[in-house]
Protein backbone atom coordinates (compact mmCIF):
# COMPACT_ATOMS: atom_id res chain seq x y z
CA PHE A 1 -0.60 11.93 -7.38
CA ALA A 2 2.93 12.08 -8.77
CA ALA A 3 2.56 15.84 -9.11
CA CYS A 4 2.01 16.13 -5.37
CA ARG A 5 5.48 14.74 -4.69
CA SER A 6 7.20 17.33 -6.91
CA VAL A 7 5.14 20.19 -5.55
CA ALA A 8 5.78 19.00 -1.97
CA GLU A 9 9.54 19.02 -2.57
CA ILE A 10 9.45 22.54 -3.98
CA ALA A 11 7.10 23.79 -1.24
CA SER A 12 9.38 22.32 1.42
CA PHE A 13 12.46 23.91 -0.13
CA PHE A 14 10.83 27.35 -0.11
CA ARG A 15 9.08 26.69 3.23
CA ILE A 16 5.63 27.18 1.76
CA PRO A 17 2.78 25.26 3.41
CA GLN A 18 1.06 22.72 1.18
CA LEU A 19 -2.26 21.07 1.94
CA SER A 20 -3.32 17.99 0.00
CA TRP A 21 -6.52 16.09 0.56
CA VAL A 22 -5.45 12.85 -1.16
CA ALA A 23 -1.65 12.56 -0.87
CA THR A 24 -1.68 8.96 0.34
CA ASP A 25 1.66 7.74 -1.04
CA PRO A 26 3.62 6.38 1.95
CA ASP A 27 6.81 7.93 0.56
CA LEU A 28 5.35 11.31 1.54
CA ASN A 29 5.77 10.34 5.21
CA ALA A 30 9.42 11.52 5.01
CA LYS A 31 9.04 14.72 7.04
CA ILE A 32 12.57 15.94 6.30
CA MET A 33 11.92 15.84 2.56
CA TYR A 34 8.29 17.01 2.73
CA SER A 35 8.42 19.27 5.80
CA THR A 36 5.56 21.59 4.84
CA LEU A 37 3.10 19.00 3.51
CA ALA A 38 -0.12 18.49 5.42
CA ARG A 39 -2.69 15.87 4.42
CA THR A 40 -6.36 15.61 5.24
CA LEU A 41 -6.57 11.91 4.35
CA ARG A 42 -4.53 9.67 6.61
CA PRO A 43 -1.48 8.08 5.02
CA PHE A 44 -1.81 4.44 4.09
CA SER A 45 1.07 3.60 6.42
CA LYS A 46 -1.60 3.53 9.16
CA LEU A 47 -3.25 0.71 7.23
CA GLY A 48 0.02 -1.20 7.53
CA ASP A 49 0.06 -0.72 11.31
CA PHE A 50 -3.46 -2.08 11.50
CA MET A 51 -2.63 -5.13 9.39
CA LEU A 52 0.49 -5.82 11.48
CA GLU A 53 -1.66 -5.91 14.61
CA ILE A 54 -3.98 -8.46 13.02
CA LEU A 55 -1.07 -10.60 11.82
CA ALA A 56 0.50 -10.50 15.29
CA GLN A 57 -2.79 -11.48 16.94
CA TYR A 58 -2.92 -14.69 14.91
CA LYS A 59 0.87 -15.19 14.83
CA TRP A 60 0.86 -15.11 11.03
CA ARG A 61 4.23 -14.43 9.34
CA ASN A 62 3.34 -15.00 5.66
CA VAL A 63 0.91 -13.11 3.44
CA VAL A 64 -0.28 -12.96 -0.14
CA VAL A 65 -0.92 -9.49 -1.59
CA VAL A 66 -3.31 -9.04 -4.51
CA SER A 67 -4.02 -5.44 -5.42
CA SER A 68 -5.32 -3.21 -8.13
CA ASN A 69 -2.90 -0.82 -9.79
CA TYR A 70 -5.71 1.72 -10.08
CA LEU A 71 -5.30 5.07 -8.32
CA LEU A 72 -5.29 4.87 -4.51
CA TYR A 73 -5.29 1.09 -4.40
CA TRP A 74 -1.70 1.03 -5.61
CA ASP A 75 -0.63 3.42 -2.80
CA ALA A 76 -2.41 1.23 -0.23
CA SER A 77 -0.71 -1.89 -1.57
CA LYS A 78 2.67 -0.15 -1.59
CA ALA A 79 2.25 0.90 2.04
CA LEU A 80 1.24 -2.61 3.08
CA ARG A 81 4.20 -4.20 1.31
CA LYS A 82 6.57 -1.73 2.99
CA SER A 83 5.09 -2.48 6.42
CA PHE A 84 5.43 -6.19 5.79
CA MET A 85 9.04 -5.85 4.63
CA ASP A 86 9.99 -3.59 7.56
CA ASN A 87 8.52 -6.10 10.02
CA ASN A 88 9.87 -9.35 8.57
CA ILE A 89 6.53 -10.54 7.24
CA THR A 90 7.07 -12.78 4.23
CA VAL A 91 5.11 -11.92 1.10
CA ALA A 92 4.75 -15.41 -0.36
CA PHE A 93 3.13 -14.13 -3.54
CA GLU A 94 2.02 -10.78 -4.87
CA THR A 95 0.37 -9.58 -8.03
CA THR A 96 -1.45 -6.56 -9.36
CA TYR A 97 -4.30 -6.23 -11.78
CA ASN A 98 -5.87 -3.45 -13.78
CA ARG A 99 -9.40 -2.22 -13.26
CA PHE A 100 -11.00 -5.05 -15.22
CA PRO A 101 -8.88 -8.20 -15.02
CA PRO A 102 -9.80 -10.98 -17.43
CA GLU A 103 -11.25 -14.19 -16.03
CA LYS A 104 -8.11 -16.10 -17.04
CA PHE A 105 -5.98 -13.81 -14.85
CA ILE A 106 -8.36 -14.25 -11.91
CA LEU A 107 -8.32 -18.05 -12.16
CA ARG A 108 -4.52 -18.18 -12.55
CA THR A 109 -4.11 -15.83 -9.56
CA MET A 110 -6.45 -17.85 -7.35
CA LEU A 111 -4.51 -21.02 -8.17
CA LYS A 112 -1.23 -19.29 -7.32
CA ILE A 113 -2.69 -18.03 -4.03
CA LYS A 114 -3.78 -21.56 -3.16
CA GLN A 115 -0.28 -22.90 -3.92
CA GLU A 116 1.79 -20.12 -2.32
CA GLY A 117 -0.44 -18.76 0.38
CA ARG A 118 -1.81 -21.92 1.84
CA SER A 119 -4.22 -20.93 4.58
CA GLU A 120 -2.19 -18.08 6.04
CA TYR A 121 -3.80 -14.81 5.04
CA ILE A 122 -4.77 -12.88 1.93
CA VAL A 123 -4.64 -9.08 1.80
CA ARG A 124 -6.81 -7.77 -1.01
CA ILE A 125 -7.33 -4.12 -1.85
CA VAL A 126 -10.65 -3.87 -3.72
CA ARG A 127 -12.89 -1.27 -5.24
CA SER A 128 -15.89 -0.40 -3.17
């Protein structure tokens, strides 16, 4: 995924079209920097728009973000955090985990969510 960014910068500089099927990093939305990049998978920034609509519907202003740092899940989490920051949504607590978090981490995280998140809302990016 990091390679896509470098290639997109070079392709843009030389005005060479680039097509990527999985370039989901929200930083790639910068059309001035990545002017020739086209993606077949929608950017995760659209996920942020969707979540903002849900939060607005319930008048929620605080969230807890728990996400995996594995592959695309990290990009999704990054996009959500950016959307929240850009729209004055408070991230009361956030943490990431690797593919197989130990039980101790899960229990500690759930306790922290209960303390920090109250009953507002939990955004969780999970493996399917």
